[in-house]
Amino acid sequence: MTNRARGLYVALSEDVREDDIQPIVNAILCLRLVANVDLDIADTSDFVARNRIKREIADDFFKILDKLK
C-alpha cells in the first residue's frame, strides 16, 4: 500500500510582511487539492535563533581561517 500525504509544509527563505504574502497565499489556494493555507507568524524567538546560528557559522568560519594561517 502506498503512503498518502495529508499536507505540505512550505518554508520561506525570509520573513515576509503579512500584507505582502497575501498574493502567494492566494496562488497556493488556487492549486488543486489545497483546502487551506495558514500563516506561521515570526516572533522574537525566530530572530534569536537565526542570529545565534549566524554567529556560530561565523565563529566556525573564523576558526577555519585561523587554522589556515
C-alpha atoms as a PDB file:
ATOM      1  CA  MET A   1       0.000   0.000   0.000  1.00  0.00           C
ATOM      2  CA  THR A   2       1.302   3.477  -0.871  1.00  0.00           C
ATOM      3  CA  ASN A   3       1.604   6.199   1.770  1.00  0.00           C
ATOM      4  CA  ARG A   4      -0.692   9.187   1.406  1.00  0.00           C
ATOM      5  CA  ALA A   5       0.264  12.788   2.106  1.00  0.00           C
ATOM      6  CA  ARG A   6      -2.148  14.835   4.173  1.00  0.00           C
ATOM      7  CA  GLY A   7      -0.313  18.124   3.920  1.00  0.00           C
ATOM      8  CA  LEU A   8       2.718  20.066   2.817  1.00  0.00           C
ATOM      9  CA  TYR A   9       4.900  22.466   4.754  1.00  0.00           C
ATOM     10  CA  VAL A  10       6.477  25.395   2.955  1.00  0.00           C
ATOM     11  CA  ALA A  11       9.320  27.400   4.465  1.00  0.00           C
ATOM     12  CA  LEU A  12      10.006  30.887   3.150  1.00  0.00           C
ATOM     13  CA  SER A  13      13.577  31.996   2.522  1.00  0.00           C
ATOM     14  CA  GLU A  14      12.975  35.126   4.606  1.00  0.00           C
ATOM     15  CA  ASP A  15      10.281  36.692   6.767  1.00  0.00           C
ATOM     16  CA  VAL A  16       7.653  38.490   4.703  1.00  0.00           C
ATOM     17  CA  ARG A  17       5.123  41.059   5.871  1.00  0.00           C
ATOM     18  CA  GLU A  18       1.570  39.687   6.192  1.00  0.00           C
ATOM     19  CA  ASP A  19       0.152  42.068   3.612  1.00  0.00           C
ATOM     20  CA  ASP A  20       2.961  41.235   1.147  1.00  0.00           C
ATOM     21  CA  ILE A  21       2.463  37.473   1.498  1.00  0.00           C
ATOM     22  CA  GLN A  22      -1.217  37.507   0.573  1.00  0.00           C
ATOM     23  CA  PRO A  23      -0.651  37.087  -3.210  1.00  0.00           C
ATOM     24  CA  ILE A  24       1.423  33.960  -2.512  1.00  0.00           C
ATOM     25  CA  VAL A  25      -1.273  32.596  -0.196  1.00  0.00           C
ATOM     26  CA  ASN A  26      -3.908  33.272  -2.866  1.00  0.00           C
ATOM     27  CA  ALA A  27      -1.805  31.480  -5.508  1.00  0.00           C
ATOM     28  CA  ILE A  28      -1.390  28.410  -3.301  1.00  0.00           C
ATOM     29  CA  LEU A  29      -5.127  28.358  -2.614  1.00  0.00           C
ATOM     30  CA  CYS A  30      -5.726  28.198  -6.381  1.00  0.00           C
ATOM     31  CA  LEU A  31      -3.864  24.889  -6.626  1.00  0.00           C
ATOM     32  CA  ARG A  32      -5.862  21.697  -6.934  1.00  0.00           C
ATOM     33  CA  LEU A  33      -6.436  19.812  -3.650  1.00  0.00           C
ATOM     34  CA  VAL A  34      -5.455  22.766  -1.427  1.00  0.00           C
ATOM     35  CA  ALA A  35      -8.057  23.132   1.326  1.00  0.00           C
ATOM     36  CA  ASN A  36      -6.480  25.870   3.411  1.00  0.00           C
ATOM     37  CA  VAL A  37      -3.312  27.907   3.977  1.00  0.00           C
ATOM     38  CA  ASP A  38      -2.331  29.100   7.462  1.00  0.00           C
ATOM     39  CA  LEU A  39       0.374  31.638   8.245  1.00  0.00           C
ATOM     40  CA  ASP A  40       3.060  30.954  10.824  1.00  0.00           C
ATOM     41  CA  ILE A  41       3.886  34.360  12.284  1.00  0.00           C
ATOM     42  CA  ALA A  42       7.560  35.043  13.085  1.00  0.00           C
ATOM     43  CA  ASP A  43       8.370  36.153  16.608  1.00  0.00           C
ATOM     44  CA  THR A  44      11.385  37.114  18.680  1.00  0.00           C
ATOM     45  CA  SER A  45      12.467  33.514  19.248  1.00  0.00           C
ATOM     46  CA  ASP A  46      12.866  33.131  15.457  1.00  0.00           C
ATOM     47  CA  PHE A  47      15.047  36.239  15.391  1.00  0.00           C
ATOM     48  CA  VAL A  48      17.196  34.987  18.255  1.00  0.00           C
ATOM     49  CA  ALA A  49      17.594  31.508  16.745  1.00  0.00           C
ATOM     50  CA  ARG A  50      18.593  32.860  13.313  1.00  0.00           C
ATOM     51  CA  ASN A  51      21.152  35.228  14.783  1.00  0.00           C
ATOM     52  CA  ARG A  52      22.599  32.550  17.044  1.00  0.00           C
ATOM     53  CA  ILE A  53      23.075  30.255  14.036  1.00  0.00           C
ATOM     54  CA  LYS A  54      24.683  33.075  12.020  1.00  0.00           C
ATOM     55  CA  ARG A  55      27.069  33.765  14.899  1.00  0.00           C
ATOM     56  CA  GLU A  56      28.004  30.080  15.226  1.00  0.00           C
ATOM     57  CA  ILE A  57      28.686  29.828  11.489  1.00  0.00           C
ATOM     58  CA  ALA A  58      30.810  32.982  11.584  1.00  0.00           C
ATOM     59  CA  ASP A  59      32.764  31.641  14.579  1.00  0.00           C
ATOM     60  CA  ASP A  60      33.403  28.335  12.777  1.00  0.00           C
ATOM     61  CA  PHE A  61      34.478  30.199   9.647  1.00  0.00           C
ATOM     62  CA  PHE A  62      36.994  32.299  11.569  1.00  0.00           C
ATOM     63  CA  LYS A  63      38.355  29.193  13.329  1.00  0.00           C
ATOM     64  CA  ILE A  64      38.976  27.613   9.914  1.00  0.00           C
ATOM     65  CA  LEU A  65      40.677  30.773   8.660  1.00  0.00           C
ATOM     66  CA  ASP A  66      42.823  30.840  11.790  1.00  0.00           C
ATOM     67  CA  LYS A  67      43.994  27.267  11.131  1.00  0.00           C
ATOM     68  CA  LEU A  68      44.945  28.159   7.550  1.00  0.00           C
ATOM     69  CA  LYS A  69      47.430  30.808   8.728  1.00  0.00           C
END
